[in-house]
Amino acid sequence: MIKTLIKLKILKFILIGGISAAYAFKRYCDTKNELKSKKDKKPSLLTR
């Protein structure tokens, strides 16, 4: 009984850690893509 509770707690921590790591990686990629898109947009000098 106690071993299963410990295993469940460890599994819970692994799941929470994985989800938080994926969220942090997503935020990092989003900010990187925003900076890249800002660099790519060049203002056009001739607007006719």
N, C-alpha and C. Protein backbone atom coordinates (compact mmCIF):
# COMPACT_ATOMS: atom_id res chain seq x y z
N MET A 1 0.84 -1.20 0.00
CA MET A 1 0.00 0.00 0.00
C MET A 1 0.87 1.26 0.00
N ILE A 2 1.85 1.27 0.89
CA ILE A 2 2.71 2.46 1.00
C ILE A 2 3.55 2.61 -0.26
N LYS A 3 4.03 1.48 -0.82
CA LYS A 3 4.85 1.55 -2.03
C LYS A 3 4.05 2.10 -3.20
N THR A 4 2.78 1.71 -3.30
CA THR A 4 1.96 2.21 -4.40
C THR A 4 1.70 3.70 -4.24
N LEU A 5 1.50 4.16 -3.01
CA LEU A 5 1.31 5.60 -2.78
C LEU A 5 2.55 6.38 -3.17
N ILE A 6 3.71 5.85 -2.82
CA ILE A 6 4.96 6.53 -3.18
C ILE A 6 5.13 6.55 -4.69
N LYS A 7 4.82 5.44 -5.35
CA LYS A 7 4.92 5.39 -6.82
C LYS A 7 3.97 6.39 -7.46
N LEU A 8 2.76 6.50 -6.92
CA LEU A 8 1.79 7.44 -7.48
C LEU A 8 2.26 8.88 -7.29
N LYS A 9 2.84 9.19 -6.14
CA LYS A 9 3.34 10.54 -5.91
C LYS A 9 4.49 10.87 -6.85
N ILE A 10 5.39 9.90 -7.07
CA ILE A 10 6.50 10.12 -7.98
C ILE A 10 5.98 10.33 -9.40
N LEU A 11 5.00 9.52 -9.80
CA LEU A 11 4.41 9.66 -11.13
C LEU A 11 3.76 11.03 -11.29
N LYS A 12 3.10 11.48 -10.24
CA LYS A 12 2.45 12.80 -10.27
C LYS A 12 3.49 13.90 -10.47
N PHE A 13 4.60 13.82 -9.75
CA PHE A 13 5.64 14.83 -9.89
C PHE A 13 6.26 14.80 -11.28
N ILE A 14 6.42 13.59 -11.84
CA ILE A 14 6.98 13.48 -13.19
C ILE A 14 6.02 14.13 -14.19
N LEU A 15 4.73 13.86 -14.05
CA LEU A 15 3.75 14.45 -14.97
C LEU A 15 3.73 15.97 -14.88
N ILE A 16 3.71 16.48 -13.66
CA ILE A 16 3.67 17.94 -13.47
C ILE A 16 4.95 18.57 -14.01
N GLY A 17 6.09 17.93 -13.77
CA GLY A 17 7.36 18.44 -14.28
C GLY A 17 7.40 18.45 -15.79
N GLY A 18 6.88 17.40 -16.40
CA GLY A 18 6.86 17.33 -17.86
C GLY A 18 5.97 18.38 -18.46
N ILE A 19 4.82 18.59 -17.87
CA ILE A 19 3.89 19.60 -18.39
C ILE A 19 4.49 20.99 -18.25
N SER A 20 5.10 21.27 -17.10
CA SER A 20 5.69 22.60 -16.91
C SER A 20 6.89 22.81 -17.84
N ALA A 21 7.66 21.77 -18.09
CA ALA A 21 8.79 21.90 -19.01
C ALA A 21 8.30 22.15 -20.43
N ALA A 22 7.24 21.47 -20.84
CA ALA A 22 6.68 21.68 -22.18
C ALA A 22 6.14 23.09 -22.31
N TYR A 23 5.49 23.60 -21.27
CA TYR A 23 4.96 24.97 -21.30
C TYR A 23 6.09 25.99 -21.41
N ALA A 24 7.16 25.78 -20.64
CA ALA A 24 8.30 26.70 -20.69
C ALA A 24 8.95 26.68 -22.07
N PHE A 25 9.08 25.49 -22.66
CA PHE A 25 9.66 25.37 -24.00
C PHE A 25 8.79 26.06 -25.04
N LYS A 26 7.47 25.94 -24.89
CA LYS A 26 6.54 26.60 -25.82
C LYS A 26 6.67 28.11 -25.73
N ARG A 27 6.73 28.64 -24.50
CA ARG A 27 6.88 30.08 -24.33
C ARG A 27 8.20 30.56 -24.93
N TYR A 28 9.27 29.79 -24.75
CA TYR A 28 10.57 30.16 -25.31
C TYR A 28 10.49 30.22 -26.83
N CYS A 29 9.87 29.22 -27.43
CA CYS A 29 9.76 29.20 -28.90
C CYS A 29 8.87 30.34 -29.40
N ASP A 30 7.80 30.64 -28.67
CA ASP A 30 6.92 31.73 -29.09
C ASP A 30 7.64 33.06 -29.07
N THR A 31 8.42 33.32 -28.01
CA THR A 31 9.14 34.59 -27.95
C THR A 31 10.20 34.66 -29.04
N LYS A 32 10.85 33.53 -29.31
CA LYS A 32 11.86 33.50 -30.36
C LYS A 32 11.22 33.77 -31.72
N ASN A 33 10.05 33.20 -31.97
CA ASN A 33 9.36 33.43 -33.24
C ASN A 33 8.89 34.88 -33.36
N GLU A 34 8.46 35.48 -32.26
CA GLU A 34 8.04 36.89 -32.29
C GLU A 34 9.21 37.78 -32.68
N LEU A 35 10.37 37.55 -32.08
CA LEU A 35 11.54 38.37 -32.41
C LEU A 35 11.92 38.17 -33.87
N LYS A 36 11.82 36.95 -34.35
CA LYS A 36 12.18 36.66 -35.74
C LYS A 36 11.22 37.36 -36.69
N SER A 37 9.93 37.35 -36.36
CA SER A 37 8.96 37.98 -37.24
C SER A 37 9.11 39.51 -37.22
N LYS A 38 9.52 40.07 -36.11
CA LYS A 38 9.75 41.52 -36.04
C LYS A 38 10.96 41.91 -36.89
N LYS A 39 11.98 41.05 -36.91
CA LYS A 39 13.16 41.35 -37.72
C LYS A 39 12.85 41.25 -39.20
N ASP A 40 12.00 40.29 -39.57
CA ASP A 40 11.68 40.06 -40.97
C ASP A 40 10.86 41.19 -41.58
N LYS A 41 10.05 41.84 -40.77
CA LYS A 41 9.21 42.93 -41.29
C LYS A 41 10.06 44.17 -41.47
N LYS A 42 10.28 44.53 -42.72
CA LYS A 42 11.04 45.75 -43.02
C LYS A 42 10.08 46.81 -43.52
N PRO A 43 10.18 48.00 -43.03
CA PRO A 43 9.28 49.06 -43.50
C PRO A 43 9.60 49.43 -44.95
N SER A 44 8.60 49.50 -45.76
CA SER A 44 8.82 49.86 -47.17
C SER A 44 9.01 51.37 -47.29
N LEU A 45 10.05 51.76 -48.00
CA LEU A 45 10.36 53.17 -48.14
C LEU A 45 9.46 53.83 -49.19
N LEU A 46 9.13 53.11 -50.23
CA LEU A 46 8.30 53.67 -51.28
C LEU A 46 6.87 53.16 -51.11
N THR A 47 5.99 54.06 -50.72
CA THR A 47 4.58 53.68 -50.58
C THR A 47 3.78 54.49 -51.59
N ARG A 48 3.56 53.91 -52.75
CA ARG A 48 2.80 54.61 -53.78
C ARG A 48 1.54 53.87 -54.10
